[in-house]
Amino acid sequence: MAVQADKFEKLVDALIAAKKDDAAILEAVTLATLGRLPTDTEKKLASGVGKATDRKAAWVAVARALGGADEKPTPVKVKLIGVPPTPSTPPLPPAKP
């Protein structure tokens, strides 16, 4: 999805141009991709991103990672082994004596 990637780049460009610190960039990127604030774990994982040689590329990579894969998920067929098939009609009640 090139359109989504462009959105991430534009967002990161705007944040860096506005001289936002790393915490503000992480918050904005997380809100844009996941619709929520970053967790403590995400804050720890992203703590070194701003020190990267190419700060913009690093934050765009974080946004893409949080946004998920660019491709649609592939459907998976599952065959249950050892599970009896579901009957098409309900079983009859036992006969009354």
Protein backbone atom coordinates (compact mmCIF):
# COMPACT_ATOMS: atom_id res chain seq x y z
CA MET A 1 0.00 0.00 0.00
CA ALA A 2 2.01 2.95 -1.23
CA VAL A 3 -0.68 5.40 -0.10
CA GLN A 4 -0.35 4.32 3.53
CA ALA A 5 3.44 4.54 3.37
CA ASP A 6 3.14 8.10 2.03
CA LYS A 7 0.88 8.98 4.96
CA PHE A 8 3.48 7.68 7.40
CA GLU A 9 6.23 9.68 5.71
CA LYS A 10 4.12 12.86 5.68
CA LEU A 11 3.22 12.41 9.34
CA VAL A 12 6.82 11.85 10.40
CA ASP A 13 8.00 14.77 8.23
CA ALA A 14 5.47 17.09 9.86
CA LEU A 15 6.39 15.96 13.36
CA ILE A 16 10.12 16.37 12.78
CA ALA A 17 9.59 19.77 11.11
CA ALA A 18 7.59 20.84 14.19
CA LYS A 19 10.62 19.84 16.30
CA LYS A 20 8.64 17.28 18.30
CA ASP A 21 10.60 15.12 20.71
CA ASP A 22 10.69 11.33 20.44
CA ALA A 23 7.92 10.82 23.01
CA ALA A 24 5.57 13.09 21.05
CA ILE A 25 6.45 11.39 17.76
CA LEU A 26 5.81 7.94 19.25
CA GLU A 27 2.49 9.13 20.67
CA ALA A 28 1.38 10.60 17.33
CA VAL A 29 2.50 7.57 15.32
CA THR A 30 0.80 5.16 17.72
CA LEU A 31 -2.42 7.16 17.70
CA ALA A 32 -2.37 7.29 13.88
CA THR A 33 -1.71 3.57 13.42
CA LEU A 34 -3.39 1.88 16.39
CA GLY A 35 -5.86 4.50 17.59
CA ARG A 36 -4.46 4.51 21.12
CA LEU A 37 -1.56 5.82 23.16
CA PRO A 38 1.67 3.79 23.30
CA THR A 39 2.12 1.19 26.01
CA ASP A 40 5.07 1.25 28.39
CA THR A 41 6.62 -1.62 26.41
CA GLU A 42 6.29 0.30 23.14
CA LYS A 43 7.88 3.34 24.80
CA LYS A 44 10.84 1.23 25.93
CA LEU A 45 11.23 -0.41 22.50
CA ALA A 46 11.18 2.95 20.74
CA SER A 47 13.49 4.72 23.19
CA GLY A 48 16.52 4.53 20.87
CA VAL A 49 14.78 5.40 17.61
CA GLY A 50 15.55 9.12 17.81
CA LYS A 51 19.27 8.39 18.07
CA ALA A 52 19.33 6.67 14.67
CA THR A 53 21.52 8.14 11.93
CA ASP A 54 18.43 8.78 9.77
CA ARG A 55 15.78 9.82 12.30
CA LYS A 56 13.03 10.17 9.69
CA ALA A 57 13.61 6.71 8.21
CA ALA A 58 13.69 5.19 11.68
CA TRP A 59 10.35 6.72 12.68
CA VAL A 60 8.75 5.80 9.34
CA ALA A 61 9.89 2.20 9.97
CA VAL A 62 8.28 2.31 13.42
CA ALA A 63 5.03 3.63 11.91
CA ARG A 64 5.02 0.89 9.29
CA ALA A 65 5.67 -1.77 11.92
CA LEU A 66 2.85 -0.49 14.11
CA GLY A 67 0.57 -0.14 11.09
CA GLY A 68 0.97 -3.79 10.17
CA ALA A 69 1.86 -5.51 6.94
CA ASP A 70 1.29 -3.88 3.57
CA GLU A 71 -0.43 -6.97 2.24
CA LYS A 72 -3.80 -8.48 3.05
CA PRO A 73 -3.55 -11.53 5.28
CA THR A 74 -3.68 -14.85 3.48
CA PRO A 75 -6.67 -16.98 4.47
CA VAL A 76 -5.67 -20.25 6.08
CA LYS A 77 -7.71 -23.43 5.82
CA VAL A 78 -7.70 -25.52 8.96
CA LYS A 79 -8.56 -29.20 9.05
CA LEU A 80 -9.40 -30.48 12.49
CA ILE A 81 -8.13 -33.99 13.07
CA GLY A 82 -9.89 -36.23 15.54
CA VAL A 83 -12.96 -34.01 15.82
CA PRO A 84 -16.19 -35.57 14.61
CA PRO A 85 -18.01 -33.55 11.96
CA THR A 86 -21.01 -31.53 13.05
CA PRO A 87 -24.21 -33.38 12.14
CA SER A 88 -26.40 -31.63 9.59
CA THR A 89 -29.57 -32.45 11.53
CA PRO A 90 -29.96 -32.53 15.30
CA PRO A 91 -30.10 -35.96 16.91
CA LEU A 92 -33.54 -37.37 17.68
CA PRO A 93 -34.56 -37.53 21.32
CA PRO A 94 -34.67 -41.01 22.88
CA ALA A 95 -37.94 -42.90 22.48
CA LYS A 96 -40.26 -42.94 25.49
CA PRO A 97 -40.92 -46.40 26.95
